[in-house]
Amino acid sequence: METKELLKTVVKAADDKRAEDIVVLNMEGISLIADYFIICHGNSDKQVQAIAREMRDAAQEAEIEVKKLEGFDEAKWILVDMGDIIAHIFHRDERSYYNLERLWGDAPFEDVLGELTK
């Protein structure tokens, strides 16, 4: 599966679990870590874990190795490393504190949710 297709798959998985304010940053040429960052949040520990679990499962169903899943037990900031795509799933309160969108402000936004609704 190509990176762009995987991106749509895992964004849809997050949306299916009612992740809020889903943002996709195109990190190509900006970061050596990944091509895309997905940033979203949930309103409870259980919802944050459900979003991360659904994204992990969607990647695995697409036969993409999830290299790392960090922060799952604490459910304040869960990182799902899928190679070219890294998802950051925050608890609502933590997201505003870390404000990754501002930290990576030079990265262009991708409208993946808009593409999914077409």
PDB file of N, CA and C in Angstrom:
ATOM      1  N   MET A   1       0.850  -1.184   0.000  1.00  0.00           N
ATOM      2  CA  MET A   1       0.000   0.000   0.000  1.00  0.00           C
ATOM      3  C   MET A   1       0.888   1.237   0.000  1.00  0.00           C
ATOM      4  N   GLU A   2       0.544   2.170  -0.860  1.00  0.00           N
ATOM      5  CA  GLU A   2       1.299   3.417  -0.938  1.00  0.00           C
ATOM      6  C   GLU A   2       1.032   4.287   0.277  1.00  0.00           C
ATOM      7  N   THR A   3       1.965   5.177   0.563  1.00  0.00           N
ATOM      8  CA  THR A   3       1.873   6.037   1.739  1.00  0.00           C
ATOM      9  C   THR A   3       0.592   6.850   1.744  1.00  0.00           C
ATOM     10  N   LYS A   4       0.215   7.412   0.619  1.00  0.00           N
ATOM     11  CA  LYS A   4      -0.985   8.250   0.545  1.00  0.00           C
ATOM     12  C   LYS A   4      -2.250   7.441   0.848  1.00  0.00           C
ATOM     13  N   GLU A   5      -2.306   6.209   0.364  1.00  0.00           N
ATOM     14  CA  GLU A   5      -3.457   5.344   0.643  1.00  0.00           C
ATOM     15  C   GLU A   5      -3.504   4.955   2.116  1.00  0.00           C
ATOM     16  N   LEU A   6      -2.338   4.631   2.683  1.00  0.00           N
ATOM     17  CA  LEU A   6      -2.282   4.317   4.112  1.00  0.00           C
ATOM     18  C   LEU A   6      -2.711   5.528   4.932  1.00  0.00           C
ATOM     19  N   LEU A   7      -2.296   6.703   4.515  1.00  0.00           N
ATOM     20  CA  LEU A   7      -2.680   7.933   5.200  1.00  0.00           C
ATOM     21  C   LEU A   7      -4.204   8.060   5.255  1.00  0.00           C
ATOM     22  N   LYS A   8      -4.859   7.845   4.132  1.00  0.00           N
ATOM     23  CA  LYS A   8      -6.327   7.911   4.093  1.00  0.00           C
ATOM     24  C   LYS A   8      -6.943   6.843   4.990  1.00  0.00           C
ATOM     25  N   THR A   9      -6.374   5.651   4.977  1.00  0.00           N
ATOM     26  CA  THR A   9      -6.903   4.538   5.768  1.00  0.00           C
ATOM     27  C   THR A   9      -6.842   4.840   7.266  1.00  0.00           C
ATOM     28  N   VAL A  10      -5.702   5.333   7.737  1.00  0.00           N
ATOM     29  CA  VAL A  10      -5.579   5.563   9.180  1.00  0.00           C
ATOM     30  C   VAL A  10      -6.307   6.830   9.627  1.00  0.00           C
ATOM     31  N   VAL A  11      -6.412   7.824   8.752  1.00  0.00           N
ATOM     32  CA  VAL A  11      -7.215   9.015   9.089  1.00  0.00           C
ATOM     33  C   VAL A  11      -8.688   8.615   9.196  1.00  0.00           C
ATOM     34  N   LYS A  12      -9.145   7.768   8.296  1.00  0.00           N
ATOM     35  CA  LYS A  12     -10.531   7.284   8.373  1.00  0.00           C
ATOM     36  C   LYS A  12     -10.744   6.485   9.661  1.00  0.00           C
ATOM     37  N   ALA A  13      -9.757   5.694  10.045  1.00  0.00           N
ATOM     38  CA  ALA A  13      -9.858   4.916  11.279  1.00  0.00           C
ATOM     39  C   ALA A  13      -9.997   5.850  12.486  1.00  0.00           C
ATOM     40  N   ALA A  14      -9.222   6.924  12.509  1.00  0.00           N
ATOM     41  CA  ALA A  14      -9.320   7.903  13.604  1.00  0.00           C
ATOM     42  C   ALA A  14     -10.688   8.575  13.592  1.00  0.00           C
ATOM     43  N   ASP A  15     -11.145   8.934  12.409  1.00  0.00           N
ATOM     44  CA  ASP A  15     -12.450   9.582  12.277  1.00  0.00           C
ATOM     45  C   ASP A  15     -13.579   8.644  12.715  1.00  0.00           C
ATOM     46  N   ASP A  16     -13.436   7.371  12.415  1.00  0.00           N
ATOM     47  CA  ASP A  16     -14.441   6.383  12.813  1.00  0.00           C
ATOM     48  C   ASP A  16     -14.581   6.289  14.333  1.00  0.00           C
ATOM     49  N   LYS A  17     -13.508   6.584  15.056  1.00  0.00           N
ATOM     50  CA  LYS A  17     -13.545   6.560  16.524  1.00  0.00           C
ATOM     51  C   LYS A  17     -13.776   7.960  17.098  1.00  0.00           C
ATOM     52  N   ARG A  18     -14.232   8.849  16.248  1.00  0.00           N
ATOM     53  CA  ARG A  18     -14.611  10.208  16.638  1.00  0.00           C
ATOM     54  C   ARG A  18     -13.450  11.055  17.171  1.00  0.00           C
ATOM     55  N   ALA A  19     -12.272  10.848  16.579  1.00  0.00           N
ATOM     56  CA  ALA A  19     -11.138  11.715  16.911  1.00  0.00           C
ATOM     57  C   ALA A  19     -11.514  13.141  16.529  1.00  0.00           C
ATOM     58  N   GLU A  20     -11.074  14.086  17.316  1.00  0.00           N
ATOM     59  CA  GLU A  20     -11.421  15.477  17.068  1.00  0.00           C
ATOM     60  C   GLU A  20     -10.247  16.240  16.481  1.00  0.00           C
ATOM     61  N   ASP A  21     -10.590  17.242  15.665  1.00  0.00           N
ATOM     62  CA  ASP A  21      -9.616  18.168  15.079  1.00  0.00           C
ATOM     63  C   ASP A  21      -8.438  17.418  14.456  1.00  0.00           C
ATOM     64  N   ILE A  22      -8.742  16.534  13.514  1.00  0.00           N
ATOM     65  CA  ILE A  22      -7.706  15.745  12.834  1.00  0.00           C
ATOM     66  C   ILE A  22      -6.947  16.652  11.868  1.00  0.00           C
ATOM     67  N   VAL A  23      -5.631  16.709  12.066  1.00  0.00           N
ATOM     68  CA  VAL A  23      -4.760  17.531  11.226  1.00  0.00           C
ATOM     69  C   VAL A  23      -3.686  16.618  10.647  1.00  0.00           C
ATOM     70  N   VAL A  24      -3.421  16.766   9.346  1.00  0.00           N
ATOM     71  CA  VAL A  24      -2.345  16.018   8.699  1.00  0.00           C
ATOM     72  C   VAL A  24      -1.327  17.035   8.190  1.00  0.00           C
ATOM     73  N   LEU A  25      -0.086  16.873   8.639  1.00  0.00           N
ATOM     74  CA  LEU A  25       1.000  17.748   8.196  1.00  0.00           C
ATOM     75  C   LEU A  25       1.889  16.992   7.218  1.00  0.00           C
ATOM     76  N   ASN A  26       2.178  17.609   6.083  1.00  0.00           N
ATOM     77  CA  ASN A  26       3.080  17.029   5.100  1.00  0.00           C
ATOM     78  C   ASN A  26       4.503  17.390   5.523  1.00  0.00           C
ATOM     79  N   MET A  27       5.242  16.410   5.992  1.00  0.00           N
ATOM     80  CA  MET A  27       6.579  16.633   6.543  1.00  0.00           C
ATOM     81  C   MET A  27       7.695  16.368   5.525  1.00  0.00           C
ATOM     82  N   GLU A  28       7.329  16.073   4.284  1.00  0.00           N
ATOM     83  CA  GLU A  28       8.336  15.788   3.261  1.00  0.00           C
ATOM     84  C   GLU A  28       9.240  17.008   3.094  1.00  0.00           C
ATOM     85  N   GLY A  29      10.540  16.779   3.179  1.00  0.00           N
ATOM     86  CA  GLY A  29      11.509  17.861   3.036  1.00  0.00           C
ATOM     87  C   GLY A  29      11.684  18.699   4.297  1.00  0.00           C
ATOM     88  N   ILE A  30      10.907  18.412   5.331  1.00  0.00           N
ATOM     89  CA  ILE A  30      10.998  19.165   6.584  1.00  0.00           C
ATOM     90  C   ILE A  30      11.593  18.299   7.687  1.00  0.00           C
ATOM     91  N   SER A  31      11.174  17.040   7.716  1.00  0.00           N
ATOM     92  CA  SER A  31      11.632  16.116   8.749  1.00  0.00           C
ATOM     93  C   SER A  31      12.130  14.828   8.107  1.00  0.00           C
ATOM     94  N   LEU A  32      13.195  14.302   8.671  1.00  0.00           N
ATOM     95  CA  LEU A  32      13.711  13.018   8.197  1.00  0.00           C
ATOM     96  C   LEU A  32      12.990  11.852   8.866  1.00  0.00           C
ATOM     97  N   ILE A  33      12.195  12.142   9.886  1.00  0.00           N
ATOM     98  CA  ILE A  33      11.531  11.106  10.669  1.00  0.00           C
ATOM     99  C   ILE A  33      10.406  10.440   9.890  1.00  0.00           C
ATOM    100  N   ALA A  34       9.567  11.247   9.237  1.00  0.00           N
ATOM    101  CA  ALA A  34       8.392  10.711   8.551  1.00  0.00           C
ATOM    102  C   ALA A  34       7.949  11.665   7.454  1.00  0.00           C
ATOM    103  N   ASP A  35       7.137  11.164   6.523  1.00  0.00           N
ATOM    104  CA  ASP A  35       6.578  11.998   5.455  1.00  0.00           C
ATOM    105  C   ASP A  35       5.326  12.739   5.921  1.00  0.00           C
ATOM    106  N   TYR A  36       4.585  12.134   6.854  1.00  0.00           N
ATOM    107  CA  TYR A  36       3.340  12.750   7.337  1.00  0.00           C
ATOM    108  C   TYR A  36       3.207  12.582   8.841  1.00  0.00           C
ATOM    109  N   PHE A  37       2.687  13.613   9.474  1.00  0.00           N
ATOM    110  CA  PHE A  37       2.264  13.544  10.868  1.00  0.00           C
ATOM    111  C   PHE A  37       0.752  13.675  10.884  1.00  0.00           C
ATOM    112  N   ILE A  38       0.104  12.808  11.628  1.00  0.00           N
ATOM    113  CA  ILE A  38      -1.324  12.947  11.901  1.00  0.00           C
ATOM    114  C   ILE A  38      -1.431  13.394  13.353  1.00  0.00           C
ATOM    115  N   ILE A  39      -2.183  14.448  13.597  1.00  0.00           N
ATOM    116  CA  ILE A  39      -2.375  14.956  14.948  1.00  0.00           C
ATOM    117  C   ILE A  39      -3.878  15.027  15.198  1.00  0.00           C
ATOM    118  N   CYS A  40      -4.309  14.452  16.308  1.00  0.00           N
ATOM    119  CA  CYS A  40      -5.725  14.500  16.668  1.00  0.00           C
ATOM    120  C   CYS A  40      -5.838  14.342  18.176  1.00  0.00           C
ATOM    121  N   HIS A  41      -7.065  14.433  18.676  1.00  0.00           N
ATOM    122  CA  HIS A  41      -7.251  14.219  20.113  1.00  0.00           C
ATOM    123  C   HIS A  41      -8.588  13.565  20.412  1.00  0.00           C
ATOM    124  N   GLY A  42      -8.640  13.003  21.610  1.00  0.00           N
ATOM    125  CA  GLY A  42      -9.856  12.433  22.156  1.00  0.00           C
ATOM    126  C   GLY A  42     -10.169  13.116  23.471  1.00  0.00           C
ATOM    127  N   ASN A  43     -11.368  12.893  23.969  1.00  0.00           N
ATOM    128  CA  ASN A  43     -11.817  13.592  25.171  1.00  0.00           C
ATOM    129  C   ASN A  43     -11.684  12.783  26.453  1.00  0.00           C
ATOM    130  N   SER A  44     -11.261  11.538  26.352  1.00  0.00           N
ATOM    131  CA  SER A  44     -11.063  10.713  27.542  1.00  0.00           C
ATOM    132  C   SER A  44      -9.920   9.735  27.271  1.00  0.00           C
ATOM    133  N   ASP A  45      -9.389   9.155  28.339  1.00  0.00           N
ATOM    134  CA  ASP A  45      -8.323   8.166  28.184  1.00  0.00           C
ATOM    135  C   ASP A  45      -8.789   7.004  27.307  1.00  0.00           C
ATOM    136  N   LYS A  46     -10.001   6.542  27.547  1.00  0.00           N
ATOM    137  CA  LYS A  46     -10.544   5.405  26.788  1.00  0.00           C
ATOM    138  C   LYS A  46     -10.680   5.743  25.308  1.00  0.00           C
ATOM    139  N   GLN A  47     -11.129   6.960  24.999  1.00  0.00           N
ATOM    140  CA  GLN A  47     -11.277   7.343  23.597  1.00  0.00           C
ATOM    141  C   GLN A  47      -9.912   7.464  22.924  1.00  0.00           C
ATOM    142  N   VAL A  48      -8.944   8.036  23.616  1.00  0.00           N
ATOM    143  CA  VAL A  48      -7.586   8.164  23.061  1.00  0.00           C
ATOM    144  C   VAL A  48      -7.034   6.774  22.746  1.00  0.00           C
ATOM    145  N   GLN A  49      -7.222   5.840  23.661  1.00  0.00           N
ATOM    146  CA  GLN A  49      -6.751   4.466  23.431  1.00  0.00           C
ATOM    147  C   GLN A  49      -7.509   3.805  22.280  1.00  0.00           C
ATOM    148  N   ALA A  50      -8.800   4.053  22.190  1.00  0.00           N
ATOM    149  CA  ALA A  50      -9.605   3.459  21.104  1.00  0.00           C
ATOM    150  C   ALA A  50      -9.152   3.984  19.748  1.00  0.00           C
ATOM    151  N   ILE A  51      -8.845   5.270  19.662  1.00  0.00           N
ATOM    152  CA  ILE A  51      -8.355   5.857  18.406  1.00  0.00           C
ATOM    153  C   ILE A  51      -7.035   5.208  18.016  1.00  0.00           C
ATOM    154  N   ALA A  52      -6.112   5.103  18.966  1.00  0.00           N
ATOM    155  CA  ALA A  52      -4.796   4.509  18.688  1.00  0.00           C
ATOM    156  C   ALA A  52      -4.939   3.048  18.264  1.00  0.00           C
ATOM    157  N   ARG A  53      -5.788   2.313  18.958  1.00  0.00           N
ATOM    158  CA  ARG A  53      -6.004   0.898  18.641  1.00  0.00           C
ATOM    159  C   ARG A  53      -6.577   0.744  17.231  1.00  0.00           C
ATOM    160  N   GLU A  54      -7.544   1.598  16.882  1.00  0.00           N
ATOM    161  CA  GLU A  54      -8.174   1.522  15.563  1.00  0.00           C
ATOM    162  C   GLU A  54      -7.172   1.871  14.451  1.00  0.00           C
ATOM    163  N   MET A  55      -6.321   2.857  14.696  1.00  0.00           N
ATOM    164  CA  MET A  55      -5.302   3.221  13.701  1.00  0.00           C
ATOM    165  C   MET A  55      -4.293   2.089  13.533  1.00  0.00           C
ATOM    166  N   ARG A  56      -3.856   1.509  14.652  1.00  0.00           N
ATOM    167  CA  ARG A  56      -2.913   0.390  14.604  1.00  0.00           C
ATOM    168  C   ARG A  56      -3.519  -0.780  13.842  1.00  0.00           C
ATOM    169  N   ASP A  57      -4.757  -1.119  14.170  1.00  0.00           N
ATOM    170  CA  ASP A  57      -5.418  -2.248  13.512  1.00  0.00           C
ATOM    171  C   ASP A  57      -5.598  -2.003  12.014  1.00  0.00           C
ATOM    172  N   ALA A  58      -5.952  -0.778  11.637  1.00  0.00           N
ATOM    173  CA  ALA A  58      -6.128  -0.443  10.212  1.00  0.00           C
ATOM    174  C   ALA A  58      -4.808  -0.588   9.465  1.00  0.00           C
ATOM    175  N   ALA A  59      -3.714  -0.151  10.073  1.00  0.00           N
ATOM    176  CA  ALA A  59      -2.398  -0.288   9.435  1.00  0.00           C
ATOM    177  C   ALA A  59      -2.031  -1.761   9.294  1.00  0.00           C
ATOM    178  N   GLN A  60      -2.256  -2.527  10.345  1.00  0.00           N
ATOM    179  CA  GLN A  60      -1.914  -3.950  10.291  1.00  0.00           C
ATOM    180  C   GLN A  60      -2.764  -4.691   9.267  1.00  0.00           C
ATOM    181  N   GLU A  61      -4.049  -4.341   9.149  1.00  0.00           N
ATOM    182  CA  GLU A  61      -4.907  -4.962   8.131  1.00  0.00           C
ATOM    183  C   GLU A  61      -4.408  -4.653   6.728  1.00  0.00           C
ATOM    184  N   ALA A  62      -3.775  -3.485   6.566  1.00  0.00           N
ATOM    185  CA  ALA A  62      -3.199  -3.107   5.274  1.00  0.00           C
ATOM    186  C   ALA A  62      -1.794  -3.677   5.102  1.00  0.00           C
ATOM    187  N   GLU A  63      -1.416  -4.564   6.034  1.00  0.00           N
ATOM    188  CA  GLU A  63      -0.108  -5.220   6.022  1.00  0.00           C
ATOM    189  C   GLU A  63       1.043  -4.238   6.157  1.00  0.00           C
ATOM    190  N   ILE A  64       0.819  -3.182   6.949  1.00  0.00           N
ATOM    191  CA  ILE A  64       1.860  -2.208   7.264  1.00  0.00           C
ATOM    192  C   ILE A  64       2.306  -2.459   8.695  1.00  0.00           C
ATOM    193  N   GLU A  65       3.607  -2.605   8.880  1.00  0.00           N
ATOM    194  CA  GLU A  65       4.139  -2.852  10.215  1.00  0.00           C
ATOM    195  C   GLU A  65       4.041  -1.586  11.066  1.00  0.00           C
ATOM    196  N   VAL A  66       3.482  -1.724  12.234  1.00  0.00           N
ATOM    197  CA  VAL A  66       3.495  -0.634  13.208  1.00  0.00           C
ATOM    198  C   VAL A  66       4.786  -0.807  13.992  1.00  0.00           C
ATOM    199  N   LYS A  67       5.734   0.103  13.748  1.00  0.00           N
ATOM    200  CA  LYS A  67       7.061  -0.027  14.329  1.00  0.00           C
ATOM    201  C   LYS A  67       7.066   0.224  15.827  1.00  0.00           C
ATOM    202  N   LYS A  68       6.209   1.141  16.272  1.00  0.00           N
ATOM    203  CA  LYS A  68       6.189   1.474  17.690  1.00  0.00           C
ATOM    204  C   LYS A  68       4.848   2.056  18.063  1.00  0.00           C
ATOM    205  N   LEU A  69       4.404   1.738  19.266  1.00  0.00           N
ATOM    206  CA  LEU A  69       3.207   2.324  19.842  1.00  0.00           C
ATOM    207  C   LEU A  69       3.602   2.717  21.268  1.00  0.00           C
ATOM    208  N   GLU A  70       3.710   4.014  21.504  1.00  0.00           N
ATOM    209  CA  GLU A  70       4.182   4.499  22.808  1.00  0.00           C
ATOM    210  C   GLU A  70       3.111   5.312  23.509  1.00  0.00           C
ATOM    211  N   GLY A  71       3.083   5.204  24.826  1.00  0.00           N
ATOM    212  CA  GLY A  71       2.189   6.022  25.636  1.00  0.00           C
ATOM    213  C   GLY A  71       0.790   5.467  25.776  1.00  0.00           C
ATOM    214  N   PHE A  72       0.563   4.232  25.363  1.00  0.00           N
ATOM    215  CA  PHE A  72      -0.791   3.677  25.346  1.00  0.00           C
ATOM    216  C   PHE A  72      -1.398   3.592  26.744  1.00  0.00           C
ATOM    217  N   ASP A  73      -0.634   3.113  27.702  1.00  0.00           N
ATOM    218  CA  ASP A  73      -1.182   2.930  29.050  1.00  0.00           C
ATOM    219  C   ASP A  73      -1.558   4.253  29.715  1.00  0.00           C
ATOM    220  N   GLU A  74      -0.746   5.289  29.510  1.00  0.00           N
ATOM    221  CA  GLU A  74      -1.029   6.592  30.118  1.00  0.00           C
ATOM    222  C   GLU A  74      -2.146   7.322  29.389  1.00  0.00           C
ATOM    223  N   ALA A  75      -2.238   7.133  28.080  1.00  0.00           N
ATOM    224  CA  ALA A  75      -3.301   7.699  27.227  1.00  0.00           C
ATOM    225  C   ALA A  75      -3.358   9.224  27.275  1.00  0.00           C
ATOM    226  N   LYS A  76      -2.217   9.875  27.458  1.00  0.00           N
ATOM    227  CA  LYS A  76      -2.161  11.334  27.409  1.00  0.00           C
ATOM    228  C   LYS A  76      -1.630  11.794  26.054  1.00  0.00           C
ATOM    229  N   TRP A  77      -0.650  11.063  25.531  1.00  0.00           N
ATOM    230  CA  TRP A  77      -0.089  11.308  24.204  1.00  0.00           C
ATOM    231  C   TRP A  77       0.381   9.958  23.685  1.00  0.00           C
ATOM    232  N   ILE A  78      -0.361   9.405  22.752  1.00  0.00           N
ATOM    233  CA  ILE A  78       0.016   8.116  22.171  1.00  0.00           C
ATOM    234  C   ILE A  78       0.629   8.374  20.802  1.00  0.00           C
ATOM    235  N   LEU A  79       1.782   7.773  20.582  1.00  0.00           N
ATOM    236  CA  LEU A  79       2.473   7.883  19.306  1.00  0.00           C
ATOM    237  C   LEU A  79       2.377   6.537  18.605  1.00  0.00           C
ATOM    238  N   VAL A  80       1.894   6.556  17.369  1.00  0.00           N
ATOM    239  CA  VAL A  80       1.810   5.338  16.552  1.00  0.00           C
ATOM    240  C   VAL A  80       2.735   5.539  15.356  1.00  0.00           C
ATOM    241  N   ASP A  81       3.845   4.799  15.345  1.00  0.00           N
ATOM    242  CA  ASP A  81       4.853   4.925  14.287  1.00  0.00           C
ATOM    243  C   ASP A  81       4.602   3.864  13.232  1.00  0.00           C
ATOM    244  N   MET A  82       4.193   4.329  12.041  1.00  0.00           N
ATOM    245  CA  MET A  82       3.928   3.426  10.918  1.00  0.00           C
ATOM    246  C   MET A  82       4.942   3.650   9.800  1.00  0.00           C
ATOM    247  N   GLY A  83       6.147   4.067  10.176  1.00  0.00           N
ATOM    248  CA  GLY A  83       7.183   4.300   9.188  1.00  0.00           C
ATOM    249  C   GLY A  83       7.084   5.697   8.598  1.00  0.00           C
ATOM    250  N   ASP A  84       6.525   5.799   7.394  1.00  0.00           N
ATOM    251  CA  ASP A  84       6.404   7.091   6.719  1.00  0.00           C
ATOM    252  C   ASP A  84       5.328   7.984   7.337  1.00  0.00           C
ATOM    253  N   ILE A  85       4.501   7.398   8.194  1.00  0.00           N
ATOM    254  CA  ILE A  85       3.425   8.146   8.851  1.00  0.00           C
ATOM    255  C   ILE A  85       3.548   7.952  10.354  1.00  0.00           C
ATOM    256  N   ILE A  86       3.503   9.058  11.083  1.00  0.00           N
ATOM    257  CA  ILE A  86       3.495   9.000  12.543  1.00  0.00           C
ATOM    258  C   ILE A  86       2.244   9.712  13.025  1.00  0.00           C
ATOM    259  N   ALA A  87       1.462   8.996  13.828  1.00  0.00           N
ATOM    260  CA  ALA A  87       0.241   9.578  14.390  1.00  0.00           C
ATOM    261  C   ALA A  87       0.495   9.983  15.836  1.00  0.00           C
ATOM    262  N   HIS A  88       0.040  11.185  16.170  1.00  0.00           N
ATOM    263  CA  HIS A  88       0.110  11.707  17.533  1.00  0.00           C
ATOM    264  C   HIS A  88      -1.335  11.854  18.014  1.00  0.00           C
ATOM    265  N   ILE A  89      -1.727  11.012  18.958  1.00  0.00           N
ATOM    266  CA  ILE A  89      -3.090  11.058  19.473  1.00  0.00           C
ATOM    267  C   ILE A  89      -3.025  11.569  20.903  1.00  0.00           C
ATOM    268  N   PHE A  90      -3.586  12.730  21.116  1.00  0.00           N
ATOM    269  CA  PHE A  90      -3.504  13.392  22.410  1.00  0.00           C
ATOM    270  C   PHE A  90      -4.812  13.284  23.176  1.00  0.00           C
ATOM    271  N   HIS A  91      -4.701  13.382  24.478  1.00  0.00           N
ATOM    272  CA  HIS A  91      -5.853  13.710  25.306  1.00  0.00           C
ATOM    273  C   HIS A  91      -6.067  15.205  25.094  1.00  0.00           C
ATOM    274  N   ARG A  92      -7.296  15.659  25.065  1.00  0.00           N
ATOM    275  CA  ARG A  92      -7.627  17.050  24.741  1.00  0.00           C
ATOM    276  C   ARG A  92      -6.738  18.063  25.479  1.00  0.00           C
ATOM    277  N   ASP A  93      -6.556  17.879  26.789  1.00  0.00           N
ATOM    278  CA  ASP A  93      -5.787  18.838  27.584  1.00  0.00           C
ATOM    279  C   ASP A  93      -4.312  18.877  27.187  1.00  0.00           C
ATOM    280  N   GLU A  94      -3.765  17.740  26.829  1.00  0.00           N
ATOM    281  CA  GLU A  94      -2.350  17.659  26.460  1.00  0.00           C
ATOM    282  C   GLU A  94      -2.078  18.286  25.090  1.00  0.00           C
ATOM    283  N   ARG A  95      -3.024  18.174  24.195  1.00  0.00           N
ATOM    284  CA  ARG A  95      -2.812  18.676  22.832  1.00  0.00           C
ATOM    285  C   ARG A  95      -2.521  20.162  22.820  1.00  0.00           C
ATOM    286  N   SER A  96      -3.302  20.931  23.544  1.00  0.00           N
ATOM    287  CA  SER A  96      -3.080  22.378  23.545  1.00  0.00           C
ATOM    288  C   SER A  96      -1.763  22.729  24.220  1.00  0.00           C
ATOM    289  N   TYR A  97      -1.336  21.935  25.179  1.00  0.00           N
ATOM    290  CA  TYR A  97      -0.072  22.198  25.863  1.00  0.00           C
ATOM    291  C   TYR A  97       1.117  22.012  24.917  1.00  0.00           C
ATOM    292  N   TYR A  98       1.145  20.902  24.186  1.00  0.00           N
ATOM    293  CA  TYR A  98       2.284  20.612  23.301  1.00  0.00           C
ATOM    294  C   TYR A  98       2.205  21.346  21.969  1.00  0.00           C
ATOM    295  N   ASN A  99       1.014  21.596  21.465  1.00  0.00           N
ATOM    296  CA  ASN A  99       0.785  22.395  20.263  1.00  0.00           C
ATOM    297  C   ASN A  99       1.758  22.061  19.118  1.00  0.00           C
ATOM    298  N   LEU A 100       1.739  20.816  18.695  1.00  0.00           N
ATOM    299  CA  LEU A 100       2.649  20.380  17.623  1.00  0.00           C
ATOM    300  C   LEU A 100       2.411  21.120  16.311  1.00  0.00           C
ATOM    301  N   GLU A 101       1.181  21.538  16.078  1.00  0.00           N
ATOM    302  CA  GLU A 101       0.891  22.274  14.850  1.00  0.00           C
ATOM    303  C   GLU A 101       1.734  23.555  14.778  1.00  0.00           C
ATOM    304  N   ARG A 102       1.906  24.222  15.909  1.00  0.00           N
ATOM    305  CA  ARG A 102       2.726  25.430  15.927  1.00  0.00           C
ATOM    306  C   ARG A 102       4.205  25.092  15.834  1.00  0.00           C
ATOM    307  N   LEU A 103       4.599  24.020  16.523  1.00  0.00           N
ATOM    308  CA  LEU A 103       6.003  23.596  16.501  1.00  0.00           C
ATOM    309  C   LEU A 103       6.455  23.294  15.073  1.00  0.00           C
ATOM    310  N   TRP A 104       5.581  22.642  14.298  1.00  0.00           N
ATOM    311  CA  TRP A 104       5.888  22.303  12.912  1.00  0.00           C
ATOM    312  C   TRP A 104       5.116  23.227  11.970  1.00  0.00           C
ATOM    313  N   GLY A 105       5.057  24.497  12.306  1.00  0.00           N
ATOM    314  CA  GLY A 105       4.262  25.477  11.575  1.00  0.00           C
ATOM    315  C   GLY A 105       4.637  25.664  10.117  1.00  0.00           C
ATOM    316  N   ASP A 106       5.853  25.285   9.739  1.00  0.00           N
ATOM    317  CA  ASP A 106       6.267  25.441   8.342  1.00  0.00           C
ATOM    318  C   ASP A 106       5.816  24.268   7.471  1.00  0.00           C
ATOM    319  N   ALA A 107       5.202  23.262   8.070  1.00  0.00           N
ATOM    320  CA  ALA A 107       4.719  22.106   7.312  1.00  0.00           C
ATOM    321  C   ALA A 107       3.330  22.397   6.744  1.00  0.00           C
ATOM    322  N   PRO A 108       3.127  22.146   5.448  1.00  0.00           N
ATOM    323  CA  PRO A 108       1.793  22.373   4.872  1.00  0.00           C
ATOM    324  C   PRO A 108       0.776  21.337   5.356  1.00  0.00           C
ATOM    325  N   PHE A 109      -0.471  21.776   5.437  1.00  0.00           N
ATOM    326  CA  PHE A 109      -1.571  20.903   5.832  1.00  0.00           C
ATOM    327  C   PHE A 109      -2.050  20.112   4.618  1.00  0.00           C
ATOM    328  N   GLU A 110      -2.467  18.872   4.862  1.00  0.00           N
ATOM    329  CA  GLU A 110      -3.080  18.027   3.841  1.00  0.00           C
ATOM    330  C   GLU A 110      -4.552  17.860   4.224  1.00  0.00           C
ATOM    331  N   ASP A 111      -5.455  18.034   3.287  1.00  0.00           N
ATOM    332  CA  ASP A 111      -6.883  17.887   3.569  1.00  0.00           C
ATOM    333  C   ASP A 111      -7.327  16.458   3.265  1.00  0.00           C
ATOM    334  N   VAL A 112      -6.916  15.537   4.105  1.00  0.00           N
ATOM    335  CA  VAL A 112      -7.226  14.128   3.887  1.00  0.00           C
ATOM    336  C   VAL A 112      -8.695  13.857   4.155  1.00  0.00           C
ATOM    337  N   LEU A 113      -9.253  14.445   5.201  1.00  0.00           N
ATOM    338  CA  LEU A 113     -10.681  14.238   5.485  1.00  0.00           C
ATOM    339  C   LEU A 113     -11.558  14.744   4.334  1.00  0.00           C
ATOM    340  N   GLY A 114     -11.167  15.851   3.747  1.00  0.00           N
ATOM    341  CA  GLY A 114     -11.901  16.366   2.591  1.00  0.00           C
ATOM    342  C   GLY A 114     -11.875  15.407   1.425  1.00  0.00           C
ATOM    343  N   GLU A 115     -10.734  14.746   1.211  1.00  0.00           N
ATOM    344  CA  GLU A 115     -10.606  13.767   0.142  1.00  0.00           C
ATOM    345  C   GLU A 115     -11.479  12.539   0.414  1.00  0.00           C
ATOM    346  N   LEU A 116     -11.622  12.183   1.680  1.00  0.00           N
ATOM    347  CA  LEU A 116     -12.408  11.004   2.044  1.00  0.00           C
ATOM    348  C   LEU A 116     -13.899  11.208   1.803  1.00  0.00           C
ATOM    349  N   THR A 117     -14.354  12.453   1.912  1.00  0.00           N
ATOM    350  CA  THR A 117     -15.791  12.725   1.767  1.00  0.00           C
ATOM    351  C   THR A 117     -16.198  12.947   0.313  1.00  0.00           C
ATOM    352  N   LYS A 118     -15.244  12.942  -0.601  1.00  0.00           N
ATOM    353  CA  LYS A 118     -15.569  13.148  -2.028  1.00  0.00           C
ATOM    354  C   LYS A 118     -16.205  11.907  -2.605  1.00  0.00           C
TER     355      LYS A 118
END
